[in-house]
N, C-alpha and C. Protein backbone atom coordinates (compact mmCIF):
# COMPACT_ATOMS: atom_id res chain seq x y z
N MET A 1 56.42 -67.87 -57.20
CA MET A 1 55.12 -68.25 -56.71
C MET A 1 54.11 -66.97 -56.43
N SER A 2 53.16 -66.16 -56.98
CA SER A 2 52.54 -65.17 -56.36
C SER A 2 52.43 -64.45 -55.35
N ALA A 3 51.90 -64.04 -55.24
CA ALA A 3 51.77 -63.20 -53.95
C ALA A 3 50.81 -63.97 -53.07
N ASP A 4 49.75 -64.00 -53.92
CA ASP A 4 48.39 -64.49 -53.08
C ASP A 4 49.01 -66.40 -52.06
N LYS A 5 49.62 -66.79 -53.39
CA LYS A 5 50.16 -67.55 -52.74
C LYS A 5 50.83 -68.15 -51.69
N ILE A 6 51.89 -67.00 -51.91
CA ILE A 6 53.05 -66.88 -50.33
C ILE A 6 52.12 -66.07 -48.91
N TYR A 7 51.15 -65.91 -49.16
CA TYR A 7 50.53 -65.20 -48.08
C TYR A 7 49.43 -66.41 -48.05
N GLU A 8 49.33 -67.14 -48.62
CA GLU A 8 48.47 -68.38 -48.32
C GLU A 8 49.29 -69.54 -47.58
N ARG A 9 50.24 -69.49 -48.20
CA ARG A 9 51.35 -70.13 -47.40
C ARG A 9 51.73 -69.80 -45.75
N ARG A 10 51.88 -68.50 -46.16
CA ARG A 10 52.33 -68.01 -44.46
C ARG A 10 51.29 -68.13 -43.68
N CYS A 11 50.31 -67.46 -43.42
CA CYS A 11 49.45 -68.16 -43.66
C CYS A 11 48.94 -69.81 -42.92
N ALA A 12 49.20 -70.45 -43.64
CA ALA A 12 49.22 -71.75 -43.54
C ALA A 12 49.81 -72.77 -42.20
N LEU A 13 51.11 -71.94 -42.93
CA LEU A 13 52.66 -72.31 -41.67
C LEU A 13 52.74 -71.37 -40.24
N THR A 14 51.91 -70.56 -39.97
CA THR A 14 51.36 -69.78 -39.09
C THR A 14 50.72 -70.66 -38.40
N LEU A 15 49.74 -70.98 -39.27
CA LEU A 15 48.35 -72.02 -38.29
C LEU A 15 48.85 -73.13 -38.00
N LEU A 16 49.70 -74.11 -38.66
CA LEU A 16 50.58 -74.83 -38.24
C LEU A 16 51.62 -74.44 -36.67
N GLU A 17 52.67 -73.89 -36.58
CA GLU A 17 53.17 -73.05 -35.29
C GLU A 17 52.21 -72.95 -34.23
N GLN A 18 50.90 -72.09 -34.61
CA GLN A 18 50.40 -72.31 -33.29
C GLN A 18 49.68 -73.45 -33.14
N VAL A 19 48.84 -74.10 -33.90
CA VAL A 19 48.27 -75.51 -33.23
C VAL A 19 49.35 -75.98 -32.70
N LEU A 20 50.77 -76.48 -33.05
CA LEU A 20 51.89 -77.32 -33.04
C LEU A 20 52.57 -76.40 -30.92
N ALA A 21 52.05 -75.06 -30.94
CA ALA A 21 52.64 -74.48 -29.87
C ALA A 21 51.26 -74.36 -28.79
N ARG A 22 50.41 -74.81 -29.39
CA ARG A 22 49.51 -75.15 -28.06
C ARG A 22 49.07 -76.25 -27.29
N LEU A 23 49.73 -77.36 -28.57
CA LEU A 23 50.37 -78.68 -28.40
C LEU A 23 51.82 -79.11 -27.48
N GLU A 24 51.51 -78.46 -27.72
CA GLU A 24 52.97 -78.34 -26.69
C GLU A 24 53.20 -78.02 -25.30
N GLU A 25 52.03 -77.07 -25.19
CA GLU A 25 51.67 -75.96 -23.78
C GLU A 25 50.46 -77.64 -23.12
N GLU A 26 50.00 -78.05 -23.96
CA GLU A 26 49.24 -79.73 -22.83
C GLU A 26 50.29 -79.87 -22.82
N TYR A 27 51.87 -80.17 -23.52
CA TYR A 27 52.24 -81.38 -22.73
C TYR A 27 53.33 -80.91 -21.52
N ARG A 28 53.08 -79.64 -21.64
CA ARG A 28 54.20 -79.04 -20.87
C ARG A 28 53.16 -79.28 -19.29
N VAL A 29 52.39 -78.42 -19.06
CA VAL A 29 51.07 -78.74 -18.61
C VAL A 29 50.65 -80.01 -17.30
N ALA A 30 50.99 -80.97 -18.87
CA ALA A 30 50.59 -82.34 -17.84
C ALA A 30 52.34 -82.84 -17.45
N GLY A 31 53.25 -81.78 -17.73
CA GLY A 31 54.53 -82.12 -16.84
C GLY A 31 55.03 -83.41 -18.17
N ASN A 32 54.96 -83.15 -19.48
CA ASN A 32 55.62 -84.31 -20.30
C ASN A 32 56.13 -83.14 -21.55
N ALA A 33 57.06 -82.25 -21.24
CA ALA A 33 57.71 -81.33 -21.67
C ALA A 33 58.58 -82.42 -22.37
N SER A 34 59.55 -82.81 -21.91
CA SER A 34 60.29 -83.96 -22.75
C SER A 34 60.18 -84.92 -23.97
N LEU A 35 58.96 -85.49 -23.42
CA LEU A 35 58.39 -85.95 -24.25
C LEU A 35 57.82 -85.33 -25.14
N PHE A 36 57.49 -84.78 -25.28
CA PHE A 36 56.97 -83.39 -26.49
C PHE A 36 58.38 -82.88 -27.34
N ALA A 37 59.28 -82.62 -27.04
CA ALA A 37 60.52 -82.43 -27.17
C ALA A 37 60.56 -83.62 -27.96
N ARG A 38 60.95 -85.10 -27.54
CA ARG A 38 60.94 -85.95 -28.56
C ARG A 38 60.63 -86.53 -29.37
N LEU A 39 59.24 -86.38 -29.06
CA LEU A 39 58.36 -86.70 -30.14
C LEU A 39 57.70 -86.19 -31.07
N LYS A 40 58.51 -84.65 -31.14
CA LYS A 40 57.91 -83.92 -32.20
C LYS A 40 58.97 -83.40 -33.56
N GLU A 41 60.05 -84.32 -32.61
CA GLU A 41 60.86 -84.41 -33.88
C GLU A 41 60.63 -85.62 -35.15
N LEU A 42 59.65 -86.35 -34.26
CA LEU A 42 59.13 -87.45 -35.74
C LEU A 42 58.10 -87.09 -36.30
N LEU A 43 57.39 -85.76 -36.04
CA LEU A 43 56.60 -85.13 -37.03
C LEU A 43 57.51 -85.18 -38.61
N ALA A 44 58.50 -84.60 -37.95
CA ALA A 44 59.65 -84.25 -39.77
C ALA A 44 60.13 -85.14 -40.42
N ASP A 45 59.76 -85.66 -40.83
CA ASP A 45 60.47 -86.88 -42.12
C ASP A 45 61.54 -86.47 -42.28
N GLU A 46 62.31 -85.85 -41.59
CA GLU A 46 63.92 -85.81 -41.98
C GLU A 46 64.59 -86.86 -41.84
N PRO A 47 66.05 -87.36 -42.80
CA PRO A 47 66.95 -88.41 -42.69
C PRO A 47 67.61 -87.80 -41.30
N GLY A 48 67.97 -88.81 -40.55
CA GLY A 48 69.30 -88.18 -39.38
C GLY A 48 68.74 -88.46 -38.34
N ARG A 49 66.85 -88.08 -37.76
CA ARG A 49 66.04 -87.83 -36.73
C ARG A 49 66.67 -88.89 -36.09
N ALA A 50 66.27 -89.24 -35.16
CA ALA A 50 65.92 -90.11 -34.13
C ALA A 50 65.27 -90.96 -34.22
N SER A 51 65.00 -92.36 -33.91
CA SER A 51 64.40 -93.33 -34.37
C SER A 51 63.23 -93.48 -32.66
N GLN A 52 61.69 -94.21 -32.74
CA GLN A 52 61.68 -93.97 -31.83
C GLN A 52 62.39 -95.32 -31.05
N ALA A 53 62.58 -96.08 -31.75
CA ALA A 53 63.57 -96.62 -30.40
C ALA A 53 64.49 -96.12 -29.39
N ASP A 54 65.37 -95.45 -30.30
CA ASP A 54 66.18 -94.52 -29.61
C ASP A 54 65.70 -93.47 -28.87
N ILE A 55 64.13 -92.99 -28.80
CA ILE A 55 63.56 -91.73 -27.77
C ILE A 55 63.24 -92.71 -26.43
N ALA A 56 62.78 -94.01 -27.18
CA ALA A 56 62.76 -94.89 -25.95
C ALA A 56 63.52 -95.03 -24.72
N LYS A 57 64.73 -95.64 -25.66
CA LYS A 57 66.32 -96.19 -24.35
C LYS A 57 66.44 -94.50 -23.71
N GLU A 58 66.41 -93.07 -24.37
CA GLU A 58 67.04 -91.87 -23.82
C GLU A 58 65.35 -91.43 -22.78
N LEU A 59 64.68 -91.89 -22.43
CA LEU A 59 63.51 -91.50 -22.09
C LEU A 59 62.87 -92.73 -21.21
N GLY A 60 63.91 -93.99 -21.05
CA GLY A 60 63.71 -95.42 -20.43
C GLY A 60 62.31 -95.84 -20.56
N MET A 61 61.46 -95.83 -21.19
CA MET A 61 59.78 -96.26 -22.08
C MET A 61 60.32 -97.66 -22.85
N THR A 62 59.04 -97.86 -23.21
CA THR A 62 59.25 -99.12 -23.82
C THR A 62 59.26 -98.65 -25.21
N GLU A 63 59.85 -99.28 -26.12
CA GLU A 63 59.69 -98.93 -27.96
C GLU A 63 58.04 -98.18 -27.53
N ASN A 64 57.02 -99.76 -27.49
CA ASN A 64 56.05 -99.28 -28.22
C ASN A 64 55.57 -98.04 -27.09
N ALA A 65 55.11 -98.54 -26.00
CA ALA A 65 54.75 -96.87 -25.12
C ALA A 65 55.54 -95.57 -26.57
N VAL A 66 56.56 -96.08 -26.75
CA VAL A 66 57.03 -94.56 -27.34
C VAL A 66 56.06 -94.66 -28.97
N LYS A 67 55.89 -95.55 -29.64
CA LYS A 67 54.95 -95.66 -30.66
C LYS A 67 53.63 -95.21 -30.15
N GLN A 68 52.95 -95.66 -29.11
CA GLN A 68 51.49 -95.52 -28.43
C GLN A 68 51.73 -93.85 -28.10
N ALA A 69 52.53 -93.50 -28.02
CA ALA A 69 52.43 -92.08 -27.34
C ALA A 69 52.50 -91.33 -28.65
N PHE A 70 53.43 -91.45 -29.65
CA PHE A 70 53.89 -90.95 -31.02
C PHE A 70 52.31 -91.07 -31.83
N HIS A 71 51.52 -91.53 -31.66
CA HIS A 71 50.18 -91.96 -32.46
C HIS A 71 48.83 -91.21 -31.27
N ARG A 72 49.26 -90.79 -29.83
CA ARG A 72 48.38 -90.32 -29.39
C ARG A 72 48.75 -88.57 -29.96
N LEU A 73 50.26 -87.78 -30.33
CA LEU A 73 50.53 -86.54 -30.34
C LEU A 73 50.17 -86.43 -31.57
N ARG A 74 50.34 -87.16 -33.03
CA ARG A 74 49.71 -87.39 -33.93
C ARG A 74 48.11 -87.02 -34.06
N GLN A 75 47.51 -87.76 -33.13
CA GLN A 75 45.82 -87.58 -33.48
C GLN A 75 45.10 -86.14 -33.13
N ARG A 76 46.24 -85.87 -31.17
CA ARG A 76 45.76 -84.92 -30.75
C ARG A 76 46.33 -83.27 -31.91
N TYR A 77 47.27 -83.95 -32.36
CA TYR A 77 47.55 -82.36 -33.38
C TYR A 77 47.04 -82.31 -34.69
N ARG A 78 46.31 -83.37 -35.28
CA ARG A 78 45.01 -83.30 -35.94
C ARG A 78 44.25 -81.98 -35.05
N GLU A 79 43.88 -83.43 -34.02
CA GLU A 79 42.13 -82.25 -33.42
C GLU A 79 42.41 -80.90 -33.16
N LEU A 80 43.56 -80.63 -32.75
CA LEU A 80 43.65 -79.07 -32.56
C LEU A 80 43.54 -78.00 -34.18
N LEU A 81 44.20 -78.81 -35.11
CA LEU A 81 44.44 -78.34 -36.16
C LEU A 81 42.76 -78.27 -36.57
N HIS A 82 42.15 -79.44 -36.78
CA HIS A 82 40.64 -78.97 -37.13
C HIS A 82 39.91 -78.20 -36.08
N GLU A 83 40.61 -77.90 -35.08
CA GLU A 83 39.47 -76.62 -34.27
C GLU A 83 39.83 -75.52 -34.56
N GLU A 84 41.37 -75.38 -34.88
CA GLU A 84 41.70 -73.72 -35.48
C GLU A 84 41.26 -73.45 -36.83
N ILE A 85 41.00 -74.68 -37.70
CA ILE A 85 40.28 -74.25 -38.71
C ILE A 85 39.13 -74.29 -38.76
N ALA A 86 38.47 -74.59 -37.57
CA ALA A 86 36.80 -74.65 -37.28
C ALA A 86 37.32 -72.65 -37.27
N HIS A 87 37.96 -72.20 -36.63
CA HIS A 87 37.88 -70.55 -36.07
C HIS A 87 37.95 -69.76 -37.61
N THR A 88 38.16 -70.70 -38.69
CA THR A 88 38.34 -69.21 -39.87
C THR A 88 37.41 -69.42 -40.36
N VAL A 89 36.65 -70.32 -40.41
CA VAL A 89 35.51 -70.67 -41.06
C VAL A 89 33.76 -69.54 -40.45
N ALA A 90 32.75 -69.66 -41.42
CA ALA A 90 31.76 -68.86 -40.95
C ALA A 90 30.44 -69.65 -40.99
N VAL A 91 31.19 -71.02 -41.47
CA VAL A 91 29.78 -72.05 -41.17
C VAL A 91 30.63 -73.28 -41.21
N PRO A 92 30.39 -74.17 -40.05
CA PRO A 92 30.96 -74.84 -38.93
C PRO A 92 31.15 -76.06 -40.71
N GLY A 93 30.49 -76.49 -41.50
CA GLY A 93 29.96 -77.35 -42.46
C GLY A 93 31.29 -77.06 -43.63
N ASP A 94 31.93 -75.56 -43.17
CA ASP A 94 32.92 -75.48 -44.58
C ASP A 94 34.41 -76.08 -43.85
N VAL A 95 34.46 -76.46 -42.82
CA VAL A 95 35.58 -76.56 -42.25
C VAL A 95 36.51 -77.99 -42.96
N GLU A 96 35.87 -79.24 -43.90
CA GLU A 96 36.48 -80.26 -44.01
C GLU A 96 37.09 -79.57 -45.51
N ASP A 97 36.34 -78.39 -46.20
CA ASP A 97 36.85 -77.81 -47.51
C ASP A 97 38.09 -76.98 -47.09
N GLU A 98 37.23 -75.94 -46.12
CA GLU A 98 38.78 -75.48 -45.37
C GLU A 98 40.10 -76.28 -44.90
N LEU A 99 39.69 -77.26 -44.56
CA LEU A 99 41.08 -78.01 -44.56
C LEU A 99 41.67 -78.79 -46.20
N ARG A 100 40.73 -79.16 -46.86
CA ARG A 100 41.63 -79.59 -48.02
C ARG A 100 42.31 -78.27 -48.35
N HIS A 101 41.52 -77.14 -48.50
CA HIS A 101 42.41 -76.33 -49.00
C HIS A 101 44.08 -75.80 -48.60
N PHE A 102 43.66 -76.09 -47.35
CA PHE A 102 44.39 -75.72 -46.35
C PHE A 102 46.12 -76.37 -46.95
N ILE A 103 45.93 -77.70 -46.94
CA ILE A 103 46.70 -78.74 -47.08
C ILE A 103 47.27 -78.52 -48.77
N SER A 104 46.63 -78.53 -49.37
CA SER A 104 46.89 -77.70 -50.62
C SER A 104 48.12 -77.47 -51.00
N VAL A 105 47.71 -76.38 -50.25
CA VAL A 105 48.41 -75.04 -49.71
C VAL A 105 49.58 -75.35 -49.45
N LEU A 106 49.66 -75.83 -48.40
CA LEU A 106 51.61 -76.13 -48.09
C LEU A 106 51.89 -77.20 -48.74
N GLN A 107 51.11 -78.25 -50.06
CA GLN A 107 51.96 -79.27 -50.55
C GLN A 107 52.07 -78.59 -52.14
N THR A 108 52.16 -77.18 -52.23
CA THR A 108 52.50 -76.68 -53.85
C THR A 108 54.06 -75.38 -53.07
């Protein structure tokens, strides 16, 4: 990878970390830190991670409640990512183009 690509990738990963930190803070303030910690594991599509059923059992929730909570977490994650990217562009109309570029940087 070229130095420019490495820089772009690091910036993108830093932005993702910031978004995740904001999301974690929202859950913590709402008193849902343990739920966030478990749902965050579902974001990474890695073998051996806990299933939604496992998390439901551990937290004393129904599997459907965990599915809904995870859906809301992902939705809020996308919203926060969109907000963060909006702070990086000069013209609000450029957000979608920047988001596409952001995704392409992470996919390489």
